[in-house]
């Protein structure tokens, strides 16, 4: 699990939407990229400016699937 704090309301909203919809979210932290499912978004009550603690469960990245371009022979008889 990966936990971090943020004060950015737009970022918190993005993570809450990802959690609600069951989608993965991506975080950039100290030059590394973490992608996973959002487990919790909790507001920290003890700090004066609003801050949230976000917990993400990392998941394995999807493999890059390269597909060959389709062979287009729709009007092949026009070129004879």
N, C-alpha and C. Protein backbone atom coordinates (compact mmCIF):
# COMPACT_ATOMS: atom_id res chain seq x y z
N UNK A 1 0.83 -1.17 0.00
CA UNK A 1 0.00 0.00 0.00
C UNK A 1 0.88 1.25 0.00
N UNK A 2 0.40 2.27 -0.64
CA UNK A 2 1.11 3.53 -0.75
C UNK A 2 0.19 4.63 -0.20
N UNK A 3 0.64 5.37 0.81
CA UNK A 3 -0.16 6.44 1.41
C UNK A 3 0.58 7.75 1.28
N UNK A 4 -0.14 8.80 0.89
CA UNK A 4 0.45 10.13 0.82
C UNK A 4 -0.60 11.17 1.18
N UNK A 5 -0.14 12.40 1.45
CA UNK A 5 -1.04 13.50 1.79
C UNK A 5 -1.02 14.54 0.70
N UNK A 6 -2.17 15.19 0.52
CA UNK A 6 -2.27 16.26 -0.46
C UNK A 6 -3.24 17.32 0.05
N UNK A 7 -3.09 18.53 -0.44
CA UNK A 7 -4.01 19.62 -0.11
C UNK A 7 -4.74 20.11 -1.36
N UNK A 8 -4.50 19.46 -2.49
CA UNK A 8 -5.10 19.85 -3.76
C UNK A 8 -6.50 19.25 -3.89
N UNK A 9 -7.53 20.11 -3.89
CA UNK A 9 -8.91 19.64 -3.94
C UNK A 9 -9.23 18.93 -5.26
N UNK A 10 -8.66 19.40 -6.36
CA UNK A 10 -8.91 18.76 -7.66
C UNK A 10 -8.35 17.34 -7.67
N UNK A 11 -7.19 17.18 -7.10
CA UNK A 11 -6.57 15.86 -7.04
C UNK A 11 -7.40 14.91 -6.16
N UNK A 12 -7.88 15.43 -5.03
CA UNK A 12 -8.70 14.61 -4.14
C UNK A 12 -9.98 14.19 -4.83
N UNK A 13 -10.60 15.10 -5.56
CA UNK A 13 -11.82 14.78 -6.30
C UNK A 13 -11.57 13.69 -7.34
N UNK A 14 -10.43 13.79 -8.02
CA UNK A 14 -10.07 12.78 -9.02
C UNK A 14 -9.91 11.40 -8.39
N UNK A 15 -9.30 11.36 -7.19
CA UNK A 15 -9.12 10.07 -6.51
C UNK A 15 -10.44 9.53 -5.98
N UNK A 16 -11.32 10.39 -5.51
CA UNK A 16 -12.62 9.92 -5.03
C UNK A 16 -13.46 9.35 -6.17
N UNK A 17 -13.41 9.99 -7.32
CA UNK A 17 -14.14 9.49 -8.49
C UNK A 17 -13.57 8.14 -8.93
N UNK A 18 -12.24 8.02 -8.93
CA UNK A 18 -11.60 6.75 -9.30
C UNK A 18 -11.99 5.65 -8.31
N UNK A 19 -12.06 5.99 -7.03
CA UNK A 19 -12.44 5.00 -6.02
C UNK A 19 -13.90 4.58 -6.22
N UNK A 20 -14.78 5.52 -6.46
CA UNK A 20 -16.19 5.22 -6.63
C UNK A 20 -16.45 4.36 -7.85
N UNK A 21 -15.74 4.65 -8.95
CA UNK A 21 -15.94 3.92 -10.20
C UNK A 21 -15.10 2.65 -10.31
N UNK A 22 -14.22 2.40 -9.37
CA UNK A 22 -13.39 1.20 -9.40
C UNK A 22 -12.28 1.26 -10.43
N UNK A 23 -11.89 2.45 -10.83
CA UNK A 23 -10.82 2.62 -11.81
C UNK A 23 -9.48 2.79 -11.12
N UNK A 24 -8.42 2.64 -11.89
CA UNK A 24 -7.09 2.86 -11.34
C UNK A 24 -6.76 4.35 -11.40
N UNK A 25 -5.88 4.76 -10.51
CA UNK A 25 -5.41 6.14 -10.47
C UNK A 25 -3.90 6.12 -10.50
N UNK A 26 -3.30 7.17 -11.02
CA UNK A 26 -1.85 7.26 -11.13
C UNK A 26 -1.34 8.44 -10.31
N UNK A 27 -0.25 8.20 -9.56
CA UNK A 27 0.36 9.22 -8.71
C UNK A 27 1.83 9.31 -9.08
N UNK A 28 2.33 10.53 -9.20
CA UNK A 28 3.75 10.76 -9.40
C UNK A 28 4.34 11.21 -8.07
N UNK A 29 5.29 10.44 -7.52
CA UNK A 29 5.87 10.75 -6.23
C UNK A 29 7.38 10.55 -6.27
N UNK A 30 8.11 11.62 -6.06
CA UNK A 30 9.58 11.57 -6.02
C UNK A 30 10.17 10.93 -7.27
N UNK A 31 9.62 11.23 -8.42
CA UNK A 31 10.14 10.73 -9.67
C UNK A 31 9.67 9.34 -10.05
N UNK A 32 8.89 8.70 -9.20
CA UNK A 32 8.37 7.37 -9.55
C UNK A 32 6.87 7.46 -9.78
N UNK A 33 6.39 6.58 -10.62
CA UNK A 33 4.97 6.56 -10.97
C UNK A 33 4.32 5.35 -10.30
N UNK A 34 3.21 5.58 -9.59
CA UNK A 34 2.49 4.50 -8.92
C UNK A 34 1.07 4.48 -9.46
N UNK A 35 0.66 3.33 -9.97
CA UNK A 35 -0.69 3.15 -10.50
C UNK A 35 -1.37 2.05 -9.71
N UNK A 36 -2.60 2.31 -9.29
CA UNK A 36 -3.33 1.30 -8.54
C UNK A 36 -4.73 1.75 -8.20
N UNK A 37 -5.42 0.93 -7.42
CA UNK A 37 -6.78 1.22 -7.00
C UNK A 37 -6.77 2.03 -5.71
N UNK A 38 -7.64 3.03 -5.62
CA UNK A 38 -7.73 3.88 -4.44
C UNK A 38 -8.49 3.12 -3.37
N UNK A 39 -7.87 2.97 -2.21
CA UNK A 39 -8.51 2.25 -1.11
C UNK A 39 -9.27 3.21 -0.21
N UNK A 40 -8.65 4.37 0.11
CA UNK A 40 -9.34 5.31 0.99
C UNK A 40 -8.87 6.73 0.73
N UNK A 41 -9.79 7.67 0.99
CA UNK A 41 -9.50 9.10 0.93
C UNK A 41 -10.04 9.67 2.24
N UNK A 42 -9.13 10.01 3.17
CA UNK A 42 -9.52 10.48 4.49
C UNK A 42 -9.04 11.90 4.72
N UNK A 43 -9.92 12.74 5.25
CA UNK A 43 -9.53 14.10 5.58
C UNK A 43 -8.82 14.11 6.92
N UNK A 44 -7.69 14.83 7.00
CA UNK A 44 -6.94 14.96 8.23
C UNK A 44 -7.51 16.14 9.00
N UNK A 45 -8.08 15.89 10.18
CA UNK A 45 -8.77 16.92 10.95
C UNK A 45 -7.82 17.79 11.78
N UNK A 46 -6.64 17.32 12.11
CA UNK A 46 -5.78 18.04 13.05
C UNK A 46 -4.98 19.18 12.44
N UNK A 47 -4.92 19.28 11.14
CA UNK A 47 -4.10 20.30 10.49
C UNK A 47 -5.01 21.43 10.02
N UNK A 48 -4.54 22.70 10.20
CA UNK A 48 -5.36 23.87 9.88
C UNK A 48 -5.76 23.94 8.40
N UNK A 49 -4.84 23.96 7.43
CA UNK A 49 -5.32 23.90 6.05
C UNK A 49 -5.81 22.48 5.75
N UNK A 50 -6.88 22.38 4.98
CA UNK A 50 -7.44 21.06 4.67
C UNK A 50 -6.42 20.19 3.97
N UNK A 51 -6.27 18.97 4.47
CA UNK A 51 -5.38 17.99 3.85
C UNK A 51 -6.07 16.64 3.87
N UNK A 52 -5.73 15.79 2.92
CA UNK A 52 -6.31 14.48 2.81
C UNK A 52 -5.21 13.43 2.73
N UNK A 53 -5.44 12.29 3.36
CA UNK A 53 -4.55 11.14 3.26
C UNK A 53 -5.19 10.16 2.29
N UNK A 54 -4.45 9.81 1.26
CA UNK A 54 -4.95 8.93 0.20
C UNK A 54 -4.12 7.65 0.22
N UNK A 55 -4.82 6.53 0.23
CA UNK A 55 -4.16 5.22 0.23
C UNK A 55 -4.46 4.52 -1.09
N UNK A 56 -3.40 4.06 -1.74
CA UNK A 56 -3.52 3.38 -3.04
C UNK A 56 -2.89 2.00 -2.93
N UNK A 57 -3.59 1.01 -3.48
CA UNK A 57 -3.05 -0.35 -3.57
C UNK A 57 -2.47 -0.50 -4.97
N UNK A 58 -1.14 -0.59 -5.10
CA UNK A 58 -0.53 -0.69 -6.43
C UNK A 58 -0.95 -1.97 -7.16
N UNK A 59 -1.04 -1.85 -8.47
CA UNK A 59 -1.33 -3.01 -9.31
C UNK A 59 -0.27 -3.08 -10.41
N UNK A 60 -0.13 -4.24 -10.99
CA UNK A 60 0.85 -4.43 -12.06
C UNK A 60 0.43 -3.64 -13.29
N UNK A 61 1.38 -3.00 -13.97
CA UNK A 61 1.02 -2.26 -15.18
C UNK A 61 0.57 -3.20 -16.28
N UNK A 62 -0.32 -2.72 -17.13
CA UNK A 62 -0.80 -3.52 -18.25
C UNK A 62 0.31 -3.66 -19.28
N UNK A 63 0.45 -4.83 -19.88
CA UNK A 63 1.46 -5.00 -20.91
C UNK A 63 1.10 -4.20 -22.16
N UNK A 64 2.11 -3.69 -22.82
CA UNK A 64 1.91 -2.92 -24.04
C UNK A 64 1.65 -3.89 -25.18
N UNK A 65 0.45 -3.87 -25.70
CA UNK A 65 0.07 -4.77 -26.78
C UNK A 65 0.16 -4.02 -28.10
N UNK A 66 1.12 -4.41 -28.91
CA UNK A 66 1.28 -3.80 -30.22
C UNK A 66 0.62 -4.72 -31.25
N UNK A 67 -0.30 -4.15 -31.99
CA UNK A 67 -1.00 -4.94 -33.00
C UNK A 67 -0.51 -4.50 -34.37
N UNK A 68 -0.35 -5.46 -35.27
CA UNK A 68 0.07 -5.09 -36.62
C UNK A 68 -1.04 -4.33 -37.34
N UNK A 69 -0.63 -3.46 -38.23
CA UNK A 69 -1.61 -2.70 -39.00
C UNK A 69 -2.37 -3.63 -39.92
N UNK A 70 -3.67 -3.42 -40.07
CA UNK A 70 -4.44 -4.31 -40.95
C UNK A 70 -4.08 -4.08 -42.41
N UNK A 71 -4.08 -5.15 -43.15
CA UNK A 71 -3.80 -5.05 -44.58
C UNK A 71 -5.09 -4.61 -45.28
N UNK A 72 -5.02 -3.48 -45.96
CA UNK A 72 -6.20 -2.93 -46.61
C UNK A 72 -6.16 -3.29 -48.09
N UNK A 73 -7.10 -4.13 -48.48
CA UNK A 73 -7.22 -4.55 -49.88
C UNK A 73 -8.66 -4.36 -50.35
N UNK A 74 -9.26 -3.25 -49.98
CA UNK A 74 -10.65 -3.03 -50.31
C UNK A 74 -10.85 -2.86 -51.80
N UNK A 75 -10.02 -2.04 -52.40
CA UNK A 75 -10.15 -1.76 -53.84
C UNK A 75 -8.94 -2.28 -54.59
N UNK A 76 -8.48 -3.48 -54.26
CA UNK A 76 -7.29 -4.04 -54.91
C UNK A 76 -7.51 -4.26 -56.41
N UNK A 77 -8.74 -4.57 -56.82
CA UNK A 77 -8.98 -4.82 -58.23
C UNK A 77 -8.89 -3.54 -59.06
N UNK A 78 -8.96 -2.35 -58.45
CA UNK A 78 -8.85 -1.10 -59.19
C UNK A 78 -7.42 -0.80 -59.63
N UNK A 79 -6.44 -1.46 -58.98
CA UNK A 79 -5.04 -1.17 -59.29
C UNK A 79 -4.42 -2.18 -60.22
N UNK A 80 -5.16 -3.01 -60.91
CA UNK A 80 -4.60 -4.00 -61.82
C UNK A 80 -4.41 -3.45 -63.18
